Protein backbone atom coordinates (compact mmCIF):
# COMPACT_ATOMS: atom_id res chain seq x y z
CA MET A 1 144.04 119.30 137.35
CA GLN A 2 144.30 115.65 138.23
CA SER A 3 144.03 113.29 135.27
CA PRO A 4 141.43 110.52 135.51
CA SER A 5 142.64 107.06 136.39
CA PRO A 6 143.04 104.40 133.68
CA ASN A 7 140.33 102.29 135.30
CA LYS A 8 137.87 105.18 135.17
CA ASN A 9 138.67 105.84 131.51
CA HIS A 10 138.15 102.15 130.74
CA ALA A 11 134.77 102.12 132.52
CA THR A 12 133.68 105.25 130.67
CA LEU A 13 134.65 103.72 127.33
CA ILE A 14 132.65 100.55 128.09
CA LEU A 15 129.61 102.63 129.08
CA GLN A 16 129.80 104.72 125.91
CA SER A 17 130.10 101.61 123.75
CA ALA A 18 127.14 99.98 125.48
CA LEU A 19 124.98 103.07 124.97
CA LEU A 20 125.99 103.29 121.31
CA CYS A 21 125.08 99.64 120.73
CA PHE A 22 121.75 100.18 122.49
CA PHE A 23 120.79 103.15 120.33
CA VAL A 24 121.91 101.47 117.10
CA PHE A 25 120.01 98.29 117.95
CA ASN A 26 116.95 100.26 119.01
CA SER A 27 116.89 102.30 115.80
CA CYS A 28 117.32 99.16 113.67
CA SER A 29 114.52 97.41 115.52
CA LYS A 30 112.19 100.34 114.93
CA SER A 31 113.06 100.45 111.25
CA GLN A 32 111.99 96.80 110.87
CA SER A 33 108.75 97.12 112.85
CA THR A 34 106.59 97.50 109.74
CA PRO A 35 105.78 94.13 108.16
CA PRO A 36 106.00 93.62 104.38
CA ALA A 37 102.88 93.97 102.23
CA LYS A 38 102.77 90.21 101.58
CA TYR A 39 104.17 87.06 103.08
CA ASP A 40 107.67 86.35 101.83
CA GLY A 41 108.29 83.52 99.43
CA PHE A 42 107.40 81.92 96.13
CA PHE A 43 104.39 79.62 96.24
CA TYR A 44 104.75 76.49 94.15
CA ALA A 45 101.47 76.47 92.25
CA ASN A 46 101.97 73.65 89.73
CA HIS A 47 99.18 71.63 91.33
CA PRO A 48 96.01 72.30 93.37
CA VAL A 49 96.39 72.19 97.14
CA ASP A 50 94.00 71.10 99.87
CA SER A 51 92.98 73.65 102.48
CA ASP A 52 94.58 71.52 105.21
CA ALA A 53 97.69 70.57 103.21
CA ILE A 54 101.04 70.00 104.90
CA ILE A 55 103.12 73.15 104.41
CA ILE A 56 106.79 72.87 103.46
CA GLU A 57 108.97 75.97 103.56
CA ALA A 58 112.32 75.68 101.79
CA PHE A 59 115.15 78.19 102.11
CA PHE A 60 117.32 78.18 98.98
CA ASP A 61 120.25 80.11 97.55
CA PRO A 62 120.16 80.13 93.71
CA VAL A 63 123.93 79.58 93.46
CA CYS A 64 124.24 77.08 96.32
CA PRO A 65 125.15 73.53 95.16
CA ASP A 66 123.31 71.95 98.08
CA SER A 67 120.15 73.92 97.25
CA ARG A 68 120.46 72.69 93.68
CA ASP A 69 120.79 69.07 94.81
CA ALA A 70 117.86 69.40 97.21
CA TRP A 71 115.38 70.56 94.58
CA PRO A 72 114.83 67.38 92.44
CA PRO A 73 113.87 65.08 95.37
CA LEU A 74 111.65 67.78 96.85
CA LYS A 75 109.94 68.29 93.50
CA GLN A 76 109.48 64.52 93.20
CA ALA A 77 107.86 64.45 96.64
CA LEU A 78 105.50 67.27 95.67
CA GLN A 79 104.45 65.37 92.57
CA HIS A 80 103.91 62.20 94.63
CA TYR A 81 101.75 63.80 97.32
CA GLY A 82 99.87 66.15 95.02
CA PRO A 83 97.28 68.36 96.78
CA HIS A 84 98.19 67.02 100.23
CA VAL A 85 101.42 69.08 100.33
CA SER A 86 102.15 72.73 99.53
CA LEU A 87 105.51 74.48 99.13
CA VAL A 88 106.81 77.98 99.74
CA VAL A 89 110.39 78.78 98.70
CA HIS A 90 112.24 81.56 100.52
CA LEU A 91 115.52 82.97 99.23
CA LEU A 92 118.54 83.30 101.49
CA PRO A 93 121.40 84.87 99.48
CA LEU A 94 124.43 83.68 101.44
CA PRO A 95 127.08 86.40 101.83
CA TYR A 96 129.98 84.15 100.81
CA HIS A 97 128.35 83.49 97.42
CA ASP A 98 129.25 86.65 95.52
CA ASN A 99 126.31 86.55 93.12
CA ALA A 100 123.64 85.13 95.40
CA TYR A 101 121.99 88.49 95.99
CA ALA A 102 121.83 89.47 92.30
CA THR A 103 120.44 86.09 91.22
CA SER A 104 117.90 86.22 94.04
CA ARG A 105 116.88 89.68 92.91
CA ALA A 106 116.40 88.38 89.35
CA LEU A 107 113.98 85.78 90.73
CA HIS A 108 111.99 88.48 92.53
CA ILE A 109 111.84 90.54 89.34
CA VAL A 110 110.52 87.61 87.31
CA ASN A 111 108.10 86.58 90.05
CA ARG A 112 106.63 90.08 90.09
CA THR A 113 106.35 90.03 86.28
CA ASN A 114 104.91 86.53 85.92
CA SER A 115 104.85 84.20 88.92
CA SER A 116 104.37 81.15 86.70
CA ALA A 117 107.93 81.64 85.38
CA THR A 118 109.62 81.88 88.79
CA PHE A 119 110.40 78.20 89.28
CA CYS A 120 111.45 77.86 85.63
CA LEU A 121 114.11 80.47 86.29
CA LEU A 122 115.10 78.88 89.60
CA GLU A 123 115.63 75.56 87.84
CA TRP A 124 117.57 77.35 85.07
CA PHE A 125 119.92 78.84 87.68
CA PHE A 126 120.33 75.44 89.32
CA LYS A 127 121.06 73.82 85.97
CA GLN A 128 123.97 76.14 85.12
CA GLN A 129 124.80 77.82 88.40
CA GLU A 130 128.54 77.31 87.88
CA LYS A 131 128.43 80.36 85.59
CA PHE A 132 127.83 82.52 88.65
CA TYR A 133 130.18 80.93 91.16
CA ASN A 134 132.76 83.21 92.73
CA ALA A 135 135.77 82.23 90.60
CA PRO A 136 134.30 82.74 87.09
CA THR A 137 133.07 86.24 87.98
CA GLN A 138 135.82 87.46 90.30
CA ASN A 139 137.27 89.87 87.70
CA MET A 140 133.88 91.18 86.56
CA THR A 141 132.26 94.39 87.76
CA ARG A 142 128.88 94.28 89.42
CA THR A 143 127.32 95.91 86.36
CA ALA A 144 128.84 93.29 84.09
CA VAL A 145 127.56 90.48 86.31
CA VAL A 146 124.03 91.93 86.32
CA LYS A 147 124.08 92.18 82.52
CA GLU A 148 125.19 88.56 82.31
CA ILE A 149 122.39 87.51 84.69
CA VAL A 150 119.80 89.37 82.59
CA LYS A 151 121.08 87.73 79.41
CA PHE A 152 121.24 84.31 81.04
CA ALA A 153 117.73 84.55 82.51
CA ALA A 154 116.25 85.67 79.19
CA GLU A 155 117.85 82.69 77.47
CA GLY A 156 116.24 80.37 80.00
CA ILE A 157 112.68 81.71 80.25
CA GLY A 158 112.31 83.81 77.10
CA ASN A 159 113.60 87.03 75.56
CA SER A 160 110.31 88.73 76.39
CA TYR A 161 111.60 89.07 79.97
CA SER A 162 114.74 91.04 79.00
CA SER A 163 113.25 94.51 79.39
CA ALA A 164 111.53 93.60 82.69
CA LEU A 165 114.81 92.25 84.06
CA GLU A 166 116.84 95.24 82.93
CA SER A 167 114.42 97.76 84.41
CA GLY A 168 113.89 95.60 87.49
CA PHE A 169 117.53 95.87 88.51
CA SER A 170 117.11 99.67 88.52
CA ASP A 171 113.93 99.51 90.57
CA ARG A 172 114.49 99.92 94.30
CA SER A 173 111.38 97.90 95.12
CA THR A 174 113.00 94.70 93.84
CA ASP A 175 116.02 95.44 95.99
CA LEU A 176 113.72 95.79 98.99
CA LEU A 177 111.95 92.51 98.18
CA THR A 178 115.31 90.73 98.15
CA ARG A 179 116.27 92.33 101.45
CA VAL A 180 112.98 91.22 102.98
CA SER A 181 113.77 87.64 101.98
CA PHE A 182 117.15 87.84 103.68
CA LYS A 183 115.67 89.41 106.83
CA PHE A 184 112.82 86.91 106.90
CA SER A 185 115.36 84.08 106.89
CA ALA A 186 117.15 85.75 109.79
CA THR A 187 113.93 86.02 111.81
CA ARG A 188 113.43 82.27 111.38
CA GLY A 189 116.96 81.56 112.56
CA VAL A 190 118.04 80.22 109.17
CA TYR A 191 121.77 80.44 108.50
CA ALA A 192 122.38 77.77 105.84
CA THR A 193 120.84 76.52 102.64
CA PRO A 194 118.95 74.39 102.11
CA THR A 195 116.88 74.57 105.28
CA PHE A 196 113.40 73.09 105.54
CA PHE A 197 110.40 73.73 107.77
CA VAL A 198 107.36 71.44 107.85
CA ASN A 199 104.19 72.92 109.32
CA GLY A 200 106.32 75.59 110.98
CA PHE A 201 108.90 73.27 112.56
CA SER A 202 112.46 73.05 111.26
CA LEU A 203 113.88 69.75 110.08
CA ALA A 204 117.29 68.55 111.22
CA GLY A 205 120.25 68.72 108.86
CA ALA A 206 120.27 72.38 107.85
CA GLY A 207 122.63 72.95 104.93
CA SER A 208 122.26 69.43 103.52
CA PRO A 209 119.88 68.10 100.85
CA LEU A 210 117.07 65.74 101.83
CA ASP A 211 116.51 62.85 99.42
CA TYR A 212 113.15 61.49 98.27
CA ASN A 213 113.08 58.69 100.84
CA GLY A 214 113.83 61.25 103.52
CA TRP A 215 110.77 63.25 102.48
CA ARG A 216 108.65 60.10 102.55
CA LYS A 217 109.77 59.42 106.12
CA VAL A 218 108.78 62.94 107.12
CA ILE A 219 105.44 63.26 105.32
CA ASP A 220 103.96 59.74 105.37
CA PRO A 221 103.41 59.67 109.17
CA LEU A 222 101.80 63.12 109.03
CA LEU A 223 99.36 62.04 106.32
CA SER A 224 98.63 58.83 108.21
CA GLU A 225 97.72 60.84 111.29
CA LYS A 226 95.54 63.13 109.19
CA GLY A 227 93.76 60.08 107.76
CA LYS A 228 93.04 58.72 111.24
CA LYS A 229 91.73 62.11 112.34
CA ARG A 230 89.41 62.34 109.33
CA GLU A 231 88.09 58.83 110.05
CA ARG A 232 87.38 59.75 113.68
CA GLU A 233 85.64 62.95 112.59
CA PHE A 234 83.61 61.02 110.02
CA MET A 235 82.45 58.44 112.54
CA THR A 236 81.66 61.12 115.12
CA SER A 237 79.64 63.16 112.64
CA ARG A 238 77.73 60.06 111.47
CA THR A 239 76.92 58.62 114.92
CA PRO A 240 73.69 60.65 115.41
CA VAL A 241 72.54 59.63 111.93
CA PHE A 242 73.15 55.95 112.63
CA MET A 243 71.28 56.22 115.93
CA LEU A 244 68.32 57.86 114.21
CA VAL A 245 68.20 55.19 111.49
CA ASN A 246 68.31 52.43 114.09
CA LEU A 247 65.51 54.10 116.07
CA LEU A 248 63.33 54.39 112.97
CA LEU A 249 63.93 50.74 112.14
CA CYS A 250 62.92 49.71 115.66
CA LEU A 251 59.75 51.81 115.46
CA TYR A 252 58.95 50.29 112.08
CA VAL A 253 59.32 46.78 113.44
CA ILE A 254 57.19 47.58 116.52
CA ALA A 255 54.50 49.20 114.38
CA GLY A 256 54.40 46.15 112.12
CA ALA A 257 54.08 43.81 115.04
CA CYS A 258 51.16 45.78 116.46
CA ALA A 259 49.37 45.91 113.12
CA PHE A 260 49.72 42.20 112.50
CA PRO A 261 49.75 40.53 115.95
CA GLY A 262 49.24 37.05 114.55
CA LEU A 263 52.41 37.09 112.49
């Protein structure tokens, strides 16, 4: 029996690999076809928001130094603009930060327990994130790291959260929430933290903090345009009223002239 030629074997191998990739990709795509029960992200609710507010979406990693540095100027901008701007924070646990996934999961656990404590914990992680950098935890087991995260989080937001955090790390649903955040970031093409979107459009400079003046340069023109639009809408809506008032005034003057022709 004649053995197949090397070229034929090579072509067969390529075909088999292509088919394998197709089936794997197809099965993965089907497994992600069902959307999550709610939109991903933590909504910053420290102030009321207008219905037509500018929407900022921030992608953070709790143990990323650049995410930490990006938060204070963004928070300052939110306080400055008040109800005219809203914020949603998405978590992207970067794979080269060993403890990014566990700290992100802790945030999901706390958010599910009491959403008003979520940003307190995020700021607590930012304040002392060096505790969970790669080097300080490189000789610790995953279980030991999780215990340290639970203890650390309880110190920051209150011991009453200890039991919820401990049980939350054994609850598969919190694992799935954290995975959804990672996959959501991937669907938006986000690969670095921090990354910002404003009204659905990404800002330049992914992976670098944006200072307060930078936020002013982004948001001020948008609010100015909104103000002009509101003014145009106001004038348009009032035009028929003004015309009616002018018509009534004219009729009043004409009626007076007819009633008193000698005046």
